[in-house]
Amino acid sequence: MEEKVSYLCTVCGYVYEGDINQEPDDYICPICGVGKDMFEKQ
């Protein structure tokens, strides 16, 4: 069974479902616009 992974934006609370590390380095939060370095693994 595959483990579900999600990342939480520490600025606005948006939850990214999946592995955010598969996104390009310039990925930004669709809600508040911060970079993926502001996301924490849940």
PDB file of N, CA and C in Angstrom:
ATOM      1  N   MET A   1       0.841  -1.200   0.000  1.00  0.00           N
ATOM      2  CA  MET A   1       0.000   0.000   0.000  1.00  0.00           C
ATOM      3  C   MET A   1       0.878   1.254   0.000  1.00  0.00           C
ATOM      4  N   GLU A   2       0.552   2.180  -0.865  1.00  0.00           N
ATOM      5  CA  GLU A   2       1.354   3.395  -0.973  1.00  0.00           C
ATOM      6  C   GLU A   2       0.982   4.379   0.135  1.00  0.00           C
ATOM      7  N   GLU A   3       2.006   4.921   0.766  1.00  0.00           N
ATOM      8  CA  GLU A   3       1.788   5.892   1.841  1.00  0.00           C
ATOM      9  C   GLU A   3       1.357   7.227   1.245  1.00  0.00           C
ATOM     10  N   LYS A   4       0.299   7.801   1.829  1.00  0.00           N
ATOM     11  CA  LYS A   4      -0.134   9.127   1.373  1.00  0.00           C
ATOM     12  C   LYS A   4       0.730  10.179   2.042  1.00  0.00           C
ATOM     13  N   VAL A   5       1.205  11.103   1.233  1.00  0.00           N
ATOM     14  CA  VAL A   5       2.073  12.169   1.730  1.00  0.00           C
ATOM     15  C   VAL A   5       1.397  13.497   1.432  1.00  0.00           C
ATOM     16  N   SER A   6       1.475  14.412   2.371  1.00  0.00           N
ATOM     17  CA  SER A   6       0.980  15.758   2.119  1.00  0.00           C
ATOM     18  C   SER A   6       1.909  16.756   2.794  1.00  0.00           C
ATOM     19  N   TYR A   7       1.880  17.969   2.263  1.00  0.00           N
ATOM     20  CA  TYR A   7       2.726  19.042   2.780  1.00  0.00           C
ATOM     21  C   TYR A   7       1.833  20.229   3.111  1.00  0.00           C
ATOM     22  N   LEU A   8       2.095  20.845   4.246  1.00  0.00           N
ATOM     23  CA  LEU A   8       1.313  21.978   4.723  1.00  0.00           C
ATOM     24  C   LEU A   8       2.081  23.276   4.524  1.00  0.00           C
ATOM     25  N   CYS A   9       1.424  24.260   3.903  1.00  0.00           N
ATOM     26  CA  CYS A   9       2.029  25.586   3.795  1.00  0.00           C
ATOM     27  C   CYS A   9       1.977  26.228   5.173  1.00  0.00           C
ATOM     28  N   THR A  10       3.140  26.577   5.704  1.00  0.00           N
ATOM     29  CA  THR A  10       3.199  27.129   7.057  1.00  0.00           C
ATOM     30  C   THR A  10       2.730  28.580   7.116  1.00  0.00           C
ATOM     31  N   VAL A  11       2.496  29.187   5.957  1.00  0.00           N
ATOM     32  CA  VAL A  11       2.036  30.572   5.923  1.00  0.00           C
ATOM     33  C   VAL A  11       0.511  30.649   5.929  1.00  0.00           C
ATOM     34  N   CYS A  12      -0.136  29.909   4.996  1.00  0.00           N
ATOM     35  CA  CYS A  12      -1.591  30.056   4.865  1.00  0.00           C
ATOM     36  C   CYS A  12      -2.394  28.812   5.222  1.00  0.00           C
ATOM     37  N   GLY A  13      -1.726  27.673   5.397  1.00  0.00           N
ATOM     38  CA  GLY A  13      -2.434  26.455   5.765  1.00  0.00           C
ATOM     39  C   GLY A  13      -2.877  25.586   4.601  1.00  0.00           C
ATOM     40  N   TYR A  14      -2.516  25.963   3.372  1.00  0.00           N
ATOM     41  CA  TYR A  14      -2.854  25.152   2.205  1.00  0.00           C
ATOM     42  C   TYR A  14      -2.171  23.789   2.311  1.00  0.00           C
ATOM     43  N   VAL A  15      -2.902  22.722   1.981  1.00  0.00           N
ATOM     44  CA  VAL A  15      -2.345  21.375   2.016  1.00  0.00           C
ATOM     45  C   VAL A  15      -2.103  20.890   0.590  1.00  0.00           C
ATOM     46  N   TYR A  16      -0.856  20.584   0.293  1.00  0.00           N
ATOM     47  CA  TYR A  16      -0.472  20.005  -0.991  1.00  0.00           C
ATOM     48  C   TYR A  16      -0.501  18.494  -0.837  1.00  0.00           C
ATOM     49  N   GLU A  17      -1.358  17.820  -1.620  1.00  0.00           N
ATOM     50  CA  GLU A  17      -1.444  16.357  -1.573  1.00  0.00           C
ATOM     51  C   GLU A  17      -0.406  15.771  -2.510  1.00  0.00           C
ATOM     52  N   GLY A  18       0.467  14.910  -1.976  1.00  0.00           N
ATOM     53  CA  GLY A  18       1.498  14.285  -2.789  1.00  0.00           C
ATOM     54  C   GLY A  18       2.882  14.753  -2.372  1.00  0.00           C
ATOM     55  N   ASP A  19       3.875  14.363  -3.154  1.00  0.00           N
ATOM     56  CA  ASP A  19       5.262  14.710  -2.849  1.00  0.00           C
ATOM     57  C   ASP A  19       5.626  16.026  -3.521  1.00  0.00           C
ATOM     58  N   ILE A  20       5.733  17.070  -2.734  1.00  0.00           N
ATOM     59  CA  ILE A  20       6.023  18.401  -3.279  1.00  0.00           C
ATOM     60  C   ILE A  20       7.411  18.462  -3.911  1.00  0.00           C
ATOM     61  N   ASN A  21       8.282  17.518  -3.557  1.00  0.00           N
ATOM     62  CA  ASN A  21       9.629  17.504  -4.124  1.00  0.00           C
ATOM     63  C   ASN A  21       9.633  17.129  -5.604  1.00  0.00           C
ATOM     64  N   GLN A  22       8.514  16.621  -6.115  1.00  0.00           N
ATOM     65  CA  GLN A  22       8.407  16.329  -7.541  1.00  0.00           C
ATOM     66  C   GLN A  22       8.066  17.586  -8.343  1.00  0.00           C
ATOM     67  N   GLU A  23       7.705  18.645  -7.663  1.00  0.00           N
ATOM     68  CA  GLU A  23       7.421  19.919  -8.328  1.00  0.00           C
ATOM     69  C   GLU A  23       8.734  20.624  -8.670  1.00  0.00           C
ATOM     70  N   PRO A  24       8.712  21.499  -9.686  1.00  0.00           N
ATOM     71  CA  PRO A  24       9.942  22.256  -9.999  1.00  0.00           C
ATOM     72  C   PRO A  24      10.345  23.167  -8.838  1.00  0.00           C
ATOM     73  N   ASP A  25      11.608  23.562  -8.824  1.00  0.00           N
ATOM     74  CA  ASP A  25      12.127  24.387  -7.725  1.00  0.00           C
ATOM     75  C   ASP A  25      11.408  25.723  -7.594  1.00  0.00           C
ATOM     76  N   ASP A  26      10.795  26.198  -8.685  1.00  0.00           N
ATOM     77  CA  ASP A  26      10.110  27.490  -8.624  1.00  0.00           C
ATOM     78  C   ASP A  26       8.621  27.355  -8.310  1.00  0.00           C
ATOM     79  N   TYR A  27       8.207  26.168  -7.810  1.00  0.00           N
ATOM     80  CA  TYR A  27       6.803  25.968  -7.415  1.00  0.00           C
ATOM     81  C   TYR A  27       6.430  26.968  -6.323  1.00  0.00           C
ATOM     82  N   ILE A  28       5.234  27.540  -6.442  1.00  0.00           N
ATOM     83  CA  ILE A  28       4.748  28.441  -5.400  1.00  0.00           C
ATOM     84  C   ILE A  28       3.372  27.993  -4.926  1.00  0.00           C
ATOM     85  N   CYS A  29       3.047  28.329  -3.708  1.00  0.00           N
ATOM     86  CA  CYS A  29       1.742  28.014  -3.134  1.00  0.00           C
ATOM     87  C   CYS A  29       0.658  28.715  -3.951  1.00  0.00           C
ATOM     88  N   PRO A  30      -0.380  27.968  -4.381  1.00  0.00           N
ATOM     89  CA  PRO A  30      -1.430  28.588  -5.203  1.00  0.00           C
ATOM     90  C   PRO A  30      -2.312  29.573  -4.424  1.00  0.00           C
ATOM     91  N   ILE A  31      -2.239  29.538  -3.105  1.00  0.00           N
ATOM     92  CA  ILE A  31      -3.056  30.444  -2.293  1.00  0.00           C
ATOM     93  C   ILE A  31      -2.308  31.732  -1.946  1.00  0.00           C
ATOM     94  N   CYS A  32      -1.107  31.582  -1.373  1.00  0.00           N
ATOM     95  CA  CYS A  32      -0.412  32.784  -0.876  1.00  0.00           C
ATOM     96  C   CYS A  32       0.876  33.116  -1.619  1.00  0.00           C
ATOM     97  N   GLY A  33       1.358  32.213  -2.480  1.00  0.00           N
ATOM     98  CA  GLY A  33       2.487  32.540  -3.338  1.00  0.00           C
ATOM     99  C   GLY A  33       3.874  32.342  -2.765  1.00  0.00           C
ATOM    100  N   VAL A  34       4.010  31.694  -1.611  1.00  0.00           N
ATOM    101  CA  VAL A  34       5.355  31.447  -1.076  1.00  0.00           C
ATOM    102  C   VAL A  34       5.971  30.224  -1.754  1.00  0.00           C
ATOM    103  N   GLY A  35       7.275  30.111  -1.664  1.00  0.00           N
ATOM    104  CA  GLY A  35       7.987  29.004  -2.290  1.00  0.00           C
ATOM    105  C   GLY A  35       7.804  27.701  -1.521  1.00  0.00           C
ATOM    106  N   LYS A  36       8.227  26.602  -2.172  1.00  0.00           N
ATOM    107  CA  LYS A  36       8.001  25.299  -1.542  1.00  0.00           C
ATOM    108  C   LYS A  36       8.874  25.063  -0.313  1.00  0.00           C
ATOM    109  N   ASP A  37       9.845  25.923  -0.069  1.00  0.00           N
ATOM    110  CA  ASP A  37      10.636  25.823   1.163  1.00  0.00           C
ATOM    111  C   ASP A  37       9.820  26.188   2.408  1.00  0.00           C
ATOM    112  N   MET A  38       8.633  26.758   2.200  1.00  0.00           N
ATOM    113  CA  MET A  38       7.764  27.120   3.325  1.00  0.00           C
ATOM    114  C   MET A  38       6.722  26.038   3.640  1.00  0.00           C
ATOM    115  N   PHE A  39       6.868  24.872   3.000  1.00  0.00           N
ATOM    116  CA  PHE A  39       5.967  23.749   3.256  1.00  0.00           C
ATOM    117  C   PHE A  39       6.626  22.758   4.205  1.00  0.00           C
ATOM    118  N   GLU A  40       5.815  22.176   5.098  1.00  0.00           N
ATOM    119  CA  GLU A  40       6.297  21.146   6.018  1.00  0.00           C
ATOM    120  C   GLU A  40       5.582  19.834   5.735  1.00  0.00           C
ATOM    121  N   LYS A  41       6.341  18.739   5.763  1.00  0.00           N
ATOM    122  CA  LYS A  41       5.743  17.421   5.542  1.00  0.00           C
ATOM    123  C   LYS A  41       4.815  17.091   6.712  1.00  0.00           C
ATOM    124  N   GLN A  42       3.662  16.545   6.384  1.00  0.00           N
ATOM    125  CA  GLN A  42       2.672  16.189   7.409  1.00  0.00           C
ATOM    126  C   GLN A  42       2.736  14.720   7.735  1.00  0.00           C
TER     127      GLN A  42
END
